[in-house]
């Protein structure tokens, strides 16, 4: 719930009050980056070498990982 509120633009102090927390610091343990947020951050970053974009594993790698 805290992440949904944060992503909707609600301030952390309001989320802390809504959850009944004594301080904003207490709310921090509930606020973690979602996969979508991480992907958005990665899209903004450009690697020094290589091509930007999402990693796509080869079938060989997937077969190996599935065999573990």
N, C-alpha and C. Protein backbone atom coordinates (compact mmCIF):
# COMPACT_ATOMS: atom_id res chain seq x y z
N UNK A 1 0.82 -1.19 0.00
CA UNK A 1 0.00 0.00 0.00
C UNK A 1 0.87 1.26 0.00
N UNK A 2 1.93 1.22 0.82
CA UNK A 2 2.81 2.39 0.89
C UNK A 2 3.43 2.68 -0.47
N UNK A 3 3.84 1.64 -1.20
CA UNK A 3 4.44 1.87 -2.53
C UNK A 3 3.42 2.44 -3.50
N UNK A 4 2.19 1.93 -3.46
CA UNK A 4 1.15 2.46 -4.35
C UNK A 4 0.90 3.93 -4.08
N UNK A 5 0.83 4.29 -2.82
CA UNK A 5 0.63 5.70 -2.46
C UNK A 5 1.80 6.55 -2.91
N UNK A 6 3.02 6.06 -2.69
CA UNK A 6 4.21 6.81 -3.08
C UNK A 6 4.25 7.02 -4.59
N UNK A 7 3.96 5.96 -5.34
CA UNK A 7 3.97 6.08 -6.80
C UNK A 7 2.86 6.98 -7.32
N UNK A 8 1.81 7.15 -6.53
CA UNK A 8 0.72 8.05 -6.91
C UNK A 8 1.03 9.50 -6.59
N UNK A 9 2.19 9.74 -5.97
CA UNK A 9 2.60 11.11 -5.69
C UNK A 9 2.31 11.58 -4.27
N UNK A 10 1.87 10.67 -3.41
CA UNK A 10 1.60 11.04 -2.02
C UNK A 10 2.93 11.18 -1.27
N UNK A 11 3.06 12.26 -0.50
CA UNK A 11 4.31 12.51 0.24
C UNK A 11 4.50 11.45 1.33
N UNK A 12 5.75 11.15 1.62
CA UNK A 12 6.07 10.13 2.64
C UNK A 12 5.53 10.50 4.01
N UNK A 13 5.52 11.77 4.33
CA UNK A 13 5.00 12.18 5.63
C UNK A 13 3.51 11.87 5.75
N UNK A 14 2.77 12.01 4.65
CA UNK A 14 1.35 11.70 4.65
C UNK A 14 1.15 10.20 4.77
N UNK A 15 1.97 9.43 4.08
CA UNK A 15 1.90 7.97 4.17
C UNK A 15 2.17 7.52 5.60
N UNK A 16 3.16 8.12 6.24
CA UNK A 16 3.49 7.77 7.63
C UNK A 16 2.30 8.03 8.54
N UNK A 17 1.66 9.17 8.37
CA UNK A 17 0.48 9.50 9.19
C UNK A 17 -0.66 8.53 8.91
N UNK A 18 -0.88 8.23 7.64
CA UNK A 18 -1.98 7.34 7.26
C UNK A 18 -1.78 5.94 7.84
N UNK A 19 -0.52 5.49 7.87
CA UNK A 19 -0.22 4.17 8.42
C UNK A 19 -0.12 4.18 9.95
N UNK A 20 -0.18 5.37 10.55
CA UNK A 20 -0.12 5.47 12.00
C UNK A 20 1.28 5.39 12.57
N UNK A 21 2.28 5.72 11.75
CA UNK A 21 3.66 5.67 12.21
C UNK A 21 4.03 6.95 12.96
N UNK A 22 4.89 6.79 13.92
CA UNK A 22 5.32 7.93 14.73
C UNK A 22 6.20 8.88 13.92
N UNK A 23 6.99 8.33 13.00
CA UNK A 23 7.88 9.17 12.21
C UNK A 23 7.98 8.64 10.78
N UNK A 24 8.48 9.49 9.90
CA UNK A 24 8.66 9.09 8.50
C UNK A 24 9.71 7.98 8.40
N UNK A 25 10.70 7.99 9.30
CA UNK A 25 11.75 6.97 9.26
C UNK A 25 11.17 5.57 9.44
N UNK A 26 10.14 5.45 10.25
CA UNK A 26 9.50 4.16 10.46
C UNK A 26 8.87 3.66 9.16
N UNK A 27 8.38 4.57 8.34
CA UNK A 27 7.73 4.22 7.09
C UNK A 27 8.73 3.71 6.06
N UNK A 28 9.98 4.11 6.18
CA UNK A 28 10.99 3.74 5.19
C UNK A 28 11.11 2.23 4.99
N UNK A 29 10.85 1.44 6.04
CA UNK A 29 10.99 -0.01 5.87
C UNK A 29 9.92 -0.59 4.95
N UNK A 30 8.84 0.14 4.75
CA UNK A 30 7.78 -0.33 3.87
C UNK A 30 7.93 0.17 2.44
N UNK A 31 8.79 1.14 2.26
CA UNK A 31 8.93 1.78 0.96
C UNK A 31 10.18 1.25 0.27
N UNK A 32 9.96 0.37 -0.67
CA UNK A 32 11.07 -0.20 -1.44
C UNK A 32 10.76 -0.03 -2.92
N UNK A 33 11.79 0.01 -3.70
CA UNK A 33 11.60 0.19 -5.14
C UNK A 33 10.97 -1.05 -5.75
N UNK A 34 9.97 -0.84 -6.61
CA UNK A 34 9.35 -1.94 -7.32
C UNK A 34 10.18 -2.26 -8.56
N UNK A 35 9.90 -3.38 -9.18
CA UNK A 35 10.61 -3.76 -10.39
C UNK A 35 10.42 -2.70 -11.48
N UNK A 36 9.22 -2.17 -11.60
CA UNK A 36 8.95 -1.14 -12.61
C UNK A 36 9.79 0.10 -12.36
N UNK A 37 9.92 0.50 -11.09
CA UNK A 37 10.74 1.67 -10.77
C UNK A 37 12.21 1.42 -11.10
N UNK A 38 12.69 0.22 -10.83
CA UNK A 38 14.08 -0.11 -11.14
C UNK A 38 14.31 -0.10 -12.64
N UNK A 39 13.36 -0.63 -13.41
CA UNK A 39 13.50 -0.64 -14.86
C UNK A 39 13.51 0.78 -15.42
N UNK A 40 12.68 1.67 -14.87
CA UNK A 40 12.66 3.06 -15.32
C UNK A 40 13.99 3.74 -15.05
N UNK A 41 14.57 3.46 -13.88
CA UNK A 41 15.86 4.04 -13.55
C UNK A 41 16.95 3.52 -14.48
N UNK A 42 16.91 2.24 -14.78
CA UNK A 42 17.91 1.65 -15.67
C UNK A 42 17.79 2.20 -17.09
N UNK A 43 16.57 2.49 -17.53
CA UNK A 43 16.37 3.05 -18.87
C UNK A 43 17.00 4.43 -19.00
N UNK A 44 17.08 5.15 -17.90
CA UNK A 44 17.68 6.49 -17.92
C UNK A 44 19.20 6.45 -17.90
N UNK A 45 19.75 5.32 -17.50
CA UNK A 45 21.20 5.18 -17.41
C UNK A 45 21.74 4.57 -18.71
N UNK A 46 22.87 5.05 -19.13
CA UNK A 46 23.50 4.52 -20.33
C UNK A 46 24.82 3.86 -19.94
N UNK A 47 25.01 2.62 -20.32
CA UNK A 47 26.27 1.94 -19.98
C UNK A 47 27.44 2.56 -20.73
N UNK A 48 28.61 2.51 -20.12
CA UNK A 48 29.80 3.06 -20.77
C UNK A 48 30.13 2.29 -22.04
N UNK A 49 30.00 0.99 -21.96
CA UNK A 49 30.23 0.14 -23.14
C UNK A 49 29.04 -0.76 -23.32
N UNK A 50 28.85 -1.18 -24.52
CA UNK A 50 27.72 -2.07 -24.78
C UNK A 50 26.51 -1.28 -25.21
N UNK A 51 25.47 -1.99 -25.46
CA UNK A 51 24.26 -1.33 -25.92
C UNK A 51 23.23 -1.27 -24.79
N UNK A 52 22.50 -0.18 -24.72
CA UNK A 52 21.48 -0.08 -23.67
C UNK A 52 20.32 -1.02 -23.96
N UNK A 53 19.59 -1.35 -22.96
CA UNK A 53 18.43 -2.20 -23.13
C UNK A 53 18.40 -3.31 -22.10
N UNK A 54 17.31 -4.02 -22.10
CA UNK A 54 17.11 -5.10 -21.14
C UNK A 54 17.87 -6.34 -21.58
N UNK A 55 18.48 -7.02 -20.62
CA UNK A 55 19.23 -8.24 -20.89
C UNK A 55 18.29 -9.34 -21.31
N UNK A 56 18.64 -10.03 -22.39
CA UNK A 56 17.86 -11.17 -22.86
C UNK A 56 18.78 -12.38 -22.87
N UNK A 57 18.56 -13.30 -21.94
CA UNK A 57 19.44 -14.47 -21.87
C UNK A 57 19.25 -15.39 -23.07
N UNK A 58 20.31 -16.08 -23.41
CA UNK A 58 20.24 -17.04 -24.51
C UNK A 58 19.52 -18.30 -24.04
N UNK A 59 19.06 -19.09 -24.99
CA UNK A 59 18.41 -20.36 -24.65
C UNK A 59 19.37 -21.27 -23.90
N UNK A 60 20.64 -21.22 -24.28
CA UNK A 60 21.65 -22.05 -23.61
C UNK A 60 21.77 -21.68 -22.13
N UNK A 61 21.80 -20.39 -21.84
CA UNK A 61 21.87 -19.95 -20.45
C UNK A 61 20.62 -20.35 -19.67
N UNK A 62 19.46 -20.18 -20.27
CA UNK A 62 18.22 -20.56 -19.60
C UNK A 62 18.16 -22.06 -19.33
N UNK A 63 18.63 -22.86 -20.29
CA UNK A 63 18.67 -24.32 -20.10
C UNK A 63 19.58 -24.67 -18.92
N UNK A 64 20.73 -24.00 -18.87
CA UNK A 64 21.66 -24.25 -17.78
C UNK A 64 21.04 -23.90 -16.43
N UNK A 65 20.43 -22.73 -16.34
CA UNK A 65 19.82 -22.30 -15.09
C UNK A 65 18.67 -23.22 -14.68
N UNK A 66 17.90 -23.66 -15.64
CA UNK A 66 16.80 -24.58 -15.34
C UNK A 66 17.29 -25.94 -14.88
N UNK A 67 18.50 -26.30 -15.26
CA UNK A 67 19.04 -27.60 -14.86
C UNK A 67 19.59 -27.60 -13.45
N UNK A 68 19.73 -26.44 -12.85
CA UNK A 68 20.29 -26.37 -11.50
C UNK A 68 19.34 -26.88 -10.44
